[in-house]
N, C-alpha and C. Protein backbone atom coordinates (compact mmCIF):
# COMPACT_ATOMS: atom_id res chain seq x y z
N MET A 1 85.95 118.29 87.58
CA MET A 1 87.18 117.66 86.84
C MET A 1 87.39 119.01 85.91
N ILE A 2 88.45 118.91 86.24
CA ILE A 2 89.48 119.71 86.09
C ILE A 2 90.75 120.02 84.34
N ASN A 3 90.49 120.06 83.21
CA ASN A 3 91.38 119.78 82.41
C ASN A 3 92.83 120.47 82.19
N LEU A 4 93.76 119.86 82.74
CA LEU A 4 95.41 120.10 83.16
C LEU A 4 96.24 120.61 82.22
N ARG A 5 95.63 120.47 80.46
CA ARG A 5 96.05 121.24 79.63
C ARG A 5 95.91 122.58 79.48
N ARG A 6 94.14 122.35 80.23
CA ARG A 6 94.16 124.05 79.99
C ARG A 6 94.65 124.91 81.55
N ASP A 7 94.21 124.42 82.17
CA ASP A 7 94.67 124.60 83.23
C ASP A 7 95.15 123.78 84.57
N PRO A 8 96.58 124.00 84.27
CA PRO A 8 97.74 123.06 84.87
C PRO A 8 97.65 123.52 86.30
N PHE A 9 97.15 124.99 86.58
CA PHE A 9 97.35 125.22 87.96
C PHE A 9 96.23 124.88 89.21
N GLU A 10 95.35 124.16 88.44
CA GLU A 10 93.76 124.13 88.74
C GLU A 10 93.25 125.27 89.59
N LYS A 11 93.04 126.74 88.95
CA LYS A 11 92.97 127.08 89.61
C LYS A 11 91.06 127.98 89.26
N VAL A 12 90.07 127.54 88.10
CA VAL A 12 89.65 127.55 87.72
C VAL A 12 88.25 127.55 88.78
N PRO A 13 88.56 126.22 89.29
CA PRO A 13 87.07 125.94 90.36
C PRO A 13 87.47 127.50 91.75
N HIS A 14 88.23 127.93 91.38
CA HIS A 14 88.25 128.80 92.80
C HIS A 14 88.36 130.69 92.53
N GLU A 15 88.19 130.28 91.25
CA GLU A 15 88.87 132.23 90.41
C GLU A 15 87.76 132.64 89.48
N SER A 16 86.66 131.67 89.66
CA SER A 16 86.12 131.50 87.83
C SER A 16 84.68 131.62 87.95
N ASN A 17 83.98 131.89 87.76
CA ASN A 17 82.32 132.41 88.26
C ASN A 17 81.44 131.55 87.13
N TYR A 18 82.75 130.96 85.93
CA TYR A 18 82.20 129.92 84.38
C TYR A 18 81.53 129.10 85.52
N TYR A 19 82.85 128.69 85.86
CA TYR A 19 83.08 127.48 87.11
C TYR A 19 81.65 126.59 87.20
N ALA A 20 81.30 127.32 87.84
CA ALA A 20 79.64 127.10 88.61
C ALA A 20 78.74 127.06 87.57
N ALA A 21 78.58 127.60 86.83
CA ALA A 21 77.57 127.57 85.70
C ALA A 21 77.60 126.10 85.16
N TRP A 22 78.92 125.86 85.00
CA TRP A 22 79.74 124.62 84.10
C TRP A 22 79.07 123.52 84.75
N MET A 23 79.12 123.21 86.30
CA MET A 23 78.82 122.07 87.42
C MET A 23 77.14 121.94 87.05
N VAL A 24 76.14 123.23 87.10
CA VAL A 24 74.85 123.46 87.06
C VAL A 24 74.21 122.68 85.73
N CYS A 25 74.89 123.37 84.90
CA CYS A 25 74.97 122.58 83.73
C CYS A 25 75.11 121.05 83.40
N ARG A 26 76.03 120.48 84.38
CA ARG A 26 76.09 118.85 84.52
C ARG A 26 75.47 118.56 85.71
N ILE A 27 75.43 118.99 86.24
CA ILE A 27 74.38 118.50 87.36
C ILE A 27 73.65 117.17 87.72
N PHE A 28 72.87 117.24 86.22
CA PHE A 28 72.00 115.95 85.90
C PHE A 28 72.51 114.47 85.78
N LEU A 29 73.97 114.70 85.63
CA LEU A 29 74.70 113.87 85.12
C LEU A 29 74.90 112.70 86.17
N GLY A 30 74.75 112.81 87.54
CA GLY A 30 75.21 112.53 88.83
C GLY A 30 74.24 111.22 88.73
N CYS A 31 72.83 111.21 88.98
CA CYS A 31 72.54 109.82 88.85
C CYS A 31 72.21 108.99 87.20
N PRO A 32 72.65 109.33 86.40
CA PRO A 32 72.90 108.09 85.56
C PRO A 32 74.29 107.90 85.66
N ILE A 33 75.33 108.44 85.84
CA ILE A 33 77.18 107.54 85.92
C ILE A 33 76.94 107.09 87.41
N ALA A 34 76.16 107.39 88.63
CA ALA A 34 75.68 106.25 89.67
C ALA A 34 75.67 105.17 89.50
N ALA A 35 74.75 105.39 88.34
CA ALA A 35 73.59 103.70 88.19
C ALA A 35 74.81 103.07 87.28
N SER A 36 75.86 103.89 86.43
CA SER A 36 76.62 102.78 85.32
C SER A 36 77.83 102.51 86.69
N VAL A 37 77.52 103.11 87.44
CA VAL A 37 79.16 102.87 88.65
C VAL A 37 78.74 102.00 89.55
N ALA A 38 77.36 101.26 89.74
CA ALA A 38 76.27 101.21 91.02
C ALA A 38 76.66 99.48 90.23
N GLN A 39 76.32 99.62 88.76
CA GLN A 39 75.72 97.91 87.89
C GLN A 39 77.36 97.72 87.68
N PHE A 40 78.74 98.88 87.63
CA PHE A 40 79.80 97.97 87.51
C PHE A 40 80.23 97.23 89.09
N LEU A 41 79.65 98.05 89.92
CA LEU A 41 80.19 97.11 91.05
C LEU A 41 79.70 96.16 91.61
N GLU A 42 78.57 96.01 90.88
CA GLU A 42 77.66 94.22 91.02
C GLU A 42 78.47 93.47 90.49
N SER A 43 79.01 93.59 89.80
CA SER A 43 79.77 92.64 88.81
C SER A 43 80.60 91.95 89.37
N PHE A 44 81.48 92.82 90.55
CA PHE A 44 82.34 92.12 91.46
C PHE A 44 81.99 90.54 92.03
N VAL A 45 80.23 91.13 92.84
CA VAL A 45 79.64 89.75 93.23
C VAL A 45 80.31 88.38 92.47
N ASP A 46 79.71 88.88 90.95
CA ASP A 46 79.97 87.28 90.03
C ASP A 46 81.33 86.84 89.68
N TYR A 47 82.33 87.98 89.15
CA TYR A 47 83.63 88.34 88.58
C TYR A 47 84.22 88.78 89.32
N PRO A 48 85.48 87.37 90.72
CA PRO A 48 85.64 88.60 91.83
C PRO A 48 87.30 89.20 91.14
N PRO A 49 87.60 90.02 91.79
CA PRO A 49 89.63 89.84 91.48
C PRO A 49 89.67 88.93 91.25
N ARG A 50 90.98 89.03 90.63
CA ARG A 50 91.92 87.77 90.57
C ARG A 50 92.53 87.88 91.15
N GLN A 51 93.29 89.01 91.51
CA GLN A 51 94.92 89.21 92.19
C GLN A 51 94.42 90.40 92.78
N LYS A 52 95.11 90.59 93.72
CA LYS A 52 95.32 91.63 95.19
C LYS A 52 95.30 93.50 94.20
N PRO A 53 95.17 94.40 94.17
CA PRO A 53 95.36 95.56 93.02
C PRO A 53 96.91 95.93 94.34
N ALA A 54 97.91 96.15 93.32
CA ALA A 54 99.27 96.86 93.59
C ALA A 54 99.06 97.90 94.82
N SER A 55 100.04 97.78 96.14
CA SER A 55 99.88 98.83 96.92
C SER A 55 100.87 99.91 96.79
N PHE A 56 101.20 101.32 96.22
CA PHE A 56 102.33 101.98 96.06
C PHE A 56 102.87 103.05 97.69
N THR A 57 102.67 102.41 99.04
CA THR A 57 102.65 103.62 99.77
C THR A 57 104.18 103.04 100.14
N ILE A 58 104.63 104.55 100.52
CA ILE A 58 105.81 104.82 101.05
C ILE A 58 106.16 104.13 101.98
N ASN A 59 105.69 103.45 103.26
CA ASN A 59 106.08 103.09 104.09
C ASN A 59 106.59 100.77 103.73
N ARG A 60 105.52 100.96 103.15
CA ARG A 60 105.89 99.81 102.01
C ARG A 60 107.67 99.38 101.04
N ILE A 61 107.42 100.87 100.59
CA ILE A 61 108.71 101.14 99.42
C ILE A 61 109.70 101.00 100.81
N VAL A 62 109.77 102.06 102.50
CA VAL A 62 111.08 102.06 102.37
C VAL A 62 111.45 100.69 103.20
N ASP A 63 110.16 99.49 103.65
CA ASP A 63 110.56 98.33 104.23
C ASP A 63 111.00 97.51 103.55
N GLY A 64 110.58 97.49 101.51
CA GLY A 64 112.01 97.22 100.62
C GLY A 64 112.98 97.33 100.65
N VAL A 65 113.46 98.68 100.77
CA VAL A 65 114.51 99.32 100.96
C VAL A 65 115.32 99.15 102.40
N VAL A 66 114.40 98.84 102.64
CA VAL A 66 115.43 98.64 104.45
C VAL A 66 116.21 96.80 104.40
N LYS A 67 114.88 95.98 104.52
CA LYS A 67 115.01 94.75 104.03
C LYS A 67 115.86 94.26 102.92
N LYS A 68 115.81 95.05 101.47
CA LYS A 68 117.29 94.54 100.70
C LYS A 68 118.57 94.64 100.90
N ILE A 69 118.84 96.32 101.80
CA ILE A 69 120.10 96.69 102.48
C ILE A 69 120.25 95.52 103.57
N LYS A 70 119.72 95.04 104.24
CA LYS A 70 119.95 93.61 105.72
C LYS A 70 120.30 92.89 104.77
N ILE A 71 119.87 92.14 103.43
CA ILE A 71 120.66 91.21 102.68
C ILE A 71 121.59 91.17 102.00
N ASP A 72 121.82 92.38 101.50
CA ASP A 72 123.16 92.79 100.89
C ASP A 72 124.33 93.02 102.28
N ARG A 73 123.98 93.30 103.35
CA ARG A 73 124.65 93.01 104.37
C ARG A 73 125.72 91.39 105.18
N LEU A 74 124.02 90.81 105.16
CA LEU A 74 124.45 89.75 105.21
C LEU A 74 125.26 88.75 104.11
N LYS A 75 124.64 89.33 102.95
CA LYS A 75 125.21 88.22 101.91
C LYS A 75 127.32 88.90 101.52
N GLU A 76 127.65 89.89 102.29
CA GLU A 76 129.36 90.02 102.16
C GLU A 76 129.89 89.71 103.65
N GLU A 77 128.56 89.58 104.61
CA GLU A 77 129.12 88.66 105.85
C GLU A 77 129.44 87.03 105.44
N PHE A 78 128.60 86.92 104.95
CA PHE A 78 128.98 85.12 104.81
C PHE A 78 128.09 84.92 103.39
N PRO A 79 129.54 85.25 102.24
CA PRO A 79 129.01 85.13 101.11
C PRO A 79 129.47 83.95 100.19
N PHE A 80 128.78 83.22 101.39
CA PHE A 80 128.40 81.42 101.18
C PHE A 80 126.90 81.31 100.38
N ILE A 81 126.65 82.03 101.23
CA ILE A 81 124.47 82.16 101.26
C ILE A 81 124.31 82.23 100.19
N THR A 82 123.75 82.09 99.16
CA THR A 82 122.89 82.92 98.11
C THR A 82 120.92 82.83 98.52
N GLY A 83 121.23 83.26 97.20
CA GLY A 83 119.79 83.32 97.09
C GLY A 83 119.14 85.25 97.83
């Protein structure tokens, strides 16, 4: 985990020996965190997500822009079409 306010270029993990010591001192946190994450994921069985999460991929954005351009061209060519 990197504090971007203190290390905006993320150099500490590669250039500092203190980072390894910091990680060793906190290695014990892995098991309790894994248990908490597992408990959270099990809650999805009883309470499934209500909607699909948003996806922000470049391909999807480009497809939307191309579709909008095609619709605008059709509206210019056929002004009586609405919607």
